[in-house]
Structure formats: C-alpha cells, structure tokens
C-alpha cells in the first residue's frame, strides 16, 4: 500500500512541476517584462534611432543652408526667386497661357 502511495505522490509532484514550468515559461514570454514586450521595445528603439539619424542629417543640411544665407547673397536671391516666387526690382513677370 505504501508503494502505490509514493507512486501516486510522485506522479502529482511531476504534474505540479510541469505546470510550474509551463506557467513560468508563459510568464517569461507573455508577461509585462517578457520576451514579446522586449522585442517590441527593441523595434521601437530601432525606429527611433533611424528617425534620430534622419533628423540629424536634416539639421546638418539646414545649418549649411543658414551658412549659405549668411555668406552668399546670390544664394539668398536664388531662394527668394525659386522658392518664394519673388521678382527683382524693376522686373516684370509675364504669364503665357496655352
């Protein structure tokens, strides 16, 4: 009788052990600080780093443009004419329609 009791107890022990392992594995994958959350945060960080690189490049281009505005009056005139559509003193704009 004692032998069957220990086998039954051993069976319950293994069932409890397997359940505990399943619960801990699930928690490590799907929990608040689990693998899936870490993977999502890693992707978010990579996207932010890419955006940061893009913004740094844009800032460098804008700094160069500011330097050109400050040093080269021809550049300023080109920007005013090209981007803003302004005309020089005494100039006229003729628009022809097809």
C-alpha atoms as a PDB file:
ATOM      1  CA  UNK A   1       0.000   0.000   0.000  1.00  0.00           C
ATOM      2  CA  UNK A   2       2.792   2.362   0.832  1.00  0.00           C
ATOM      3  CA  UNK A   3       4.446   1.731  -2.516  1.00  0.00           C
ATOM      4  CA  UNK A   4       1.360   2.823  -4.518  1.00  0.00           C
ATOM      5  CA  UNK A   5       1.011   5.941  -2.353  1.00  0.00           C
ATOM      6  CA  UNK A   6       4.573   7.017  -3.133  1.00  0.00           C
ATOM      7  CA  UNK A   7       3.981   6.416  -6.865  1.00  0.00           C
ATOM      8  CA  UNK A   8       0.816   8.480  -6.720  1.00  0.00           C
ATOM      9  CA  UNK A   9       2.645  11.239  -4.801  1.00  0.00           C
ATOM     10  CA  UNK A  10       5.491  11.147  -7.300  1.00  0.00           C
ATOM     11  CA  UNK A  11       3.003  11.472 -10.182  1.00  0.00           C
ATOM     12  CA  UNK A  12       1.435  14.567  -8.555  1.00  0.00           C
ATOM     13  CA  UNK A  13       4.875  16.001  -7.964  1.00  0.00           C
ATOM     14  CA  UNK A  14       5.728  15.719 -11.693  1.00  0.00           C
ATOM     15  CA  UNK A  15       2.383  17.189 -12.710  1.00  0.00           C
ATOM     16  CA  UNK A  16       2.945  20.140 -10.365  1.00  0.00           C
ATOM     17  CA  UNK A  17       6.498  20.542 -11.656  1.00  0.00           C
ATOM     18  CA  UNK A  18       5.368  20.574 -15.323  1.00  0.00           C
ATOM     19  CA  UNK A  19       2.588  23.069 -14.534  1.00  0.00           C
ATOM     20  CA  UNK A  20       5.064  25.327 -12.746  1.00  0.00           C
ATOM     21  CA  UNK A  21       7.451  25.214 -15.717  1.00  0.00           C
ATOM     22  CA  UNK A  22       4.601  25.987 -18.137  1.00  0.00           C
ATOM     23  CA  UNK A  23       3.434  28.913 -16.005  1.00  0.00           C
ATOM     24  CA  UNK A  24       6.941  30.356 -15.685  1.00  0.00           C
ATOM     25  CA  UNK A  25       7.637  29.926 -19.415  1.00  0.00           C
ATOM     26  CA  UNK A  26       4.358  31.608 -20.296  1.00  0.00           C
ATOM     27  CA  UNK A  27       5.071  34.462 -17.908  1.00  0.00           C
ATOM     28  CA  UNK A  28       8.555  34.966 -19.361  1.00  0.00           C
ATOM     29  CA  UNK A  29       7.131  35.146 -22.901  1.00  0.00           C
ATOM     30  CA  UNK A  30       3.876  36.994 -22.403  1.00  0.00           C
ATOM     31  CA  UNK A  31       4.323  38.831 -19.084  1.00  0.00           C
ATOM     32  CA  UNK A  32       4.763  42.554 -18.564  1.00  0.00           C
ATOM     33  CA  UNK A  33       8.550  42.319 -18.934  1.00  0.00           C
ATOM     34  CA  UNK A  34       8.511  39.236 -21.141  1.00  0.00           C
ATOM     35  CA  UNK A  35      10.241  38.395 -24.371  1.00  0.00           C
ATOM     36  CA  UNK A  36       7.490  39.772 -26.612  1.00  0.00           C
ATOM     37  CA  UNK A  37       7.500  43.118 -24.799  1.00  0.00           C
ATOM     38  CA  UNK A  38      11.280  43.303 -25.036  1.00  0.00           C
ATOM     39  CA  UNK A  39      11.139  42.554 -28.758  1.00  0.00           C
ATOM     40  CA  UNK A  40       8.532  45.273 -29.331  1.00  0.00           C
ATOM     41  CA  UNK A  41      10.621  47.773 -27.353  1.00  0.00           C
ATOM     42  CA  UNK A  42      13.719  46.840 -29.356  1.00  0.00           C
ATOM     43  CA  UNK A  43      11.863  47.511 -32.622  1.00  0.00           C
ATOM     44  CA  UNK A  44      10.585  50.810 -31.274  1.00  0.00           C
ATOM     45  CA  UNK A  45      14.116  51.807 -30.239  1.00  0.00           C
ATOM     46  CA  UNK A  46      15.465  50.966 -33.702  1.00  0.00           C
ATOM     47  CA  UNK A  47      12.748  53.064 -35.340  1.00  0.00           C
ATOM     48  CA  UNK A  48      13.542  55.989 -33.040  1.00  0.00           C
ATOM     49  CA  UNK A  49      17.262  55.673 -33.760  1.00  0.00           C
ATOM     50  CA  UNK A  50      16.543  55.755 -37.500  1.00  0.00           C
ATOM     51  CA  UNK A  51      14.352  58.832 -37.065  1.00  0.00           C
ATOM     52  CA  UNK A  52      17.116  60.438 -34.980  1.00  0.00           C
ATOM     53  CA  UNK A  53      19.679  59.823 -37.754  1.00  0.00           C
ATOM     54  CA  UNK A  54      17.300  61.313 -40.309  1.00  0.00           C
ATOM     55  CA  UNK A  55      16.691  64.400 -38.179  1.00  0.00           C
ATOM     56  CA  UNK A  56      20.423  64.870 -37.602  1.00  0.00           C
ATOM     57  CA  UNK A  57      21.037  64.795 -41.362  1.00  0.00           C
ATOM     58  CA  UNK A  58      18.211  67.262 -41.907  1.00  0.00           C
ATOM     59  CA  UNK A  59      19.695  69.558 -39.228  1.00  0.00           C
ATOM     60  CA  UNK A  60      23.083  69.431 -40.936  1.00  0.00           C
ATOM     61  CA  UNK A  61      21.508  70.410 -44.274  1.00  0.00           C
ATOM     62  CA  UNK A  62      19.627  73.268 -42.634  1.00  0.00           C
ATOM     63  CA  UNK A  63      22.790  74.518 -40.884  1.00  0.00           C
ATOM     64  CA  UNK A  64      24.560  74.566 -44.240  1.00  0.00           C
ATOM     65  CA  UNK A  65      21.658  76.461 -45.772  1.00  0.00           C
ATOM     66  CA  UNK A  66      21.817  79.032 -42.949  1.00  0.00           C
ATOM     67  CA  UNK A  67      25.540  79.460 -43.568  1.00  0.00           C
ATOM     68  CA  UNK A  68      24.843  80.000 -47.262  1.00  0.00           C
ATOM     69  CA  UNK A  69      22.193  82.629 -46.433  1.00  0.00           C
ATOM     70  CA  UNK A  70      24.657  84.468 -44.209  1.00  0.00           C
ATOM     71  CA  UNK A  71      27.627  84.378 -46.609  1.00  0.00           C
ATOM     72  CA  UNK A  72      26.304  84.330 -50.166  1.00  0.00           C
ATOM     73  CA  UNK A  73      23.832  86.980 -51.353  1.00  0.00           C
ATOM     74  CA  UNK A  74      23.395  85.111 -54.662  1.00  0.00           C
ATOM     75  CA  UNK A  75      22.062  82.105 -52.741  1.00  0.00           C
ATOM     76  CA  UNK A  76      19.594  84.328 -50.904  1.00  0.00           C
ATOM     77  CA  UNK A  77      18.427  85.812 -54.195  1.00  0.00           C
ATOM     78  CA  UNK A  78      18.058  82.344 -55.726  1.00  0.00           C
ATOM     79  CA  UNK A  79      15.954  81.148 -52.769  1.00  0.00           C
ATOM     80  CA  UNK A  80      13.754  84.232 -52.928  1.00  0.00           C
ATOM     81  CA  UNK A  81      13.163  83.787 -56.657  1.00  0.00           C
ATOM     82  CA  UNK A  82      12.876  79.998 -56.773  1.00  0.00           C
ATOM     83  CA  UNK A  83      11.019  79.087 -53.598  1.00  0.00           C
ATOM     84  CA  UNK A  84       9.064  82.261 -52.908  1.00  0.00           C
ATOM     85  CA  UNK A  85       8.444  83.444 -56.479  1.00  0.00           C
ATOM     86  CA  UNK A  86       9.689  86.974 -55.818  1.00  0.00           C
ATOM     87  CA  UNK A  87      10.933  89.309 -58.538  1.00  0.00           C
ATOM     88  CA  UNK A  88      13.843  91.693 -58.536  1.00  0.00           C
ATOM     89  CA  UNK A  89      13.406  95.472 -58.579  1.00  0.00           C
ATOM     90  CA  UNK A  90      12.219  96.655 -61.964  1.00  0.00           C
ATOM     91  CA  UNK A  91      11.450  93.120 -63.215  1.00  0.00           C
ATOM     92  CA  UNK A  92       8.110  92.039 -64.624  1.00  0.00           C
ATOM     93  CA  UNK A  93       6.601  88.607 -64.813  1.00  0.00           C
ATOM     94  CA  UNK A  94       4.728  87.609 -67.932  1.00  0.00           C
ATOM     95  CA  UNK A  95       2.497  84.541 -67.768  1.00  0.00           C
ATOM     96  CA  UNK A  96       1.506  82.975 -71.076  1.00  0.00           C
ATOM     97  CA  UNK A  97      -1.355  80.527 -71.307  1.00  0.00           C
ATOM     98  CA  UNK A  98      -1.503  77.805 -73.921  1.00  0.00           C
END
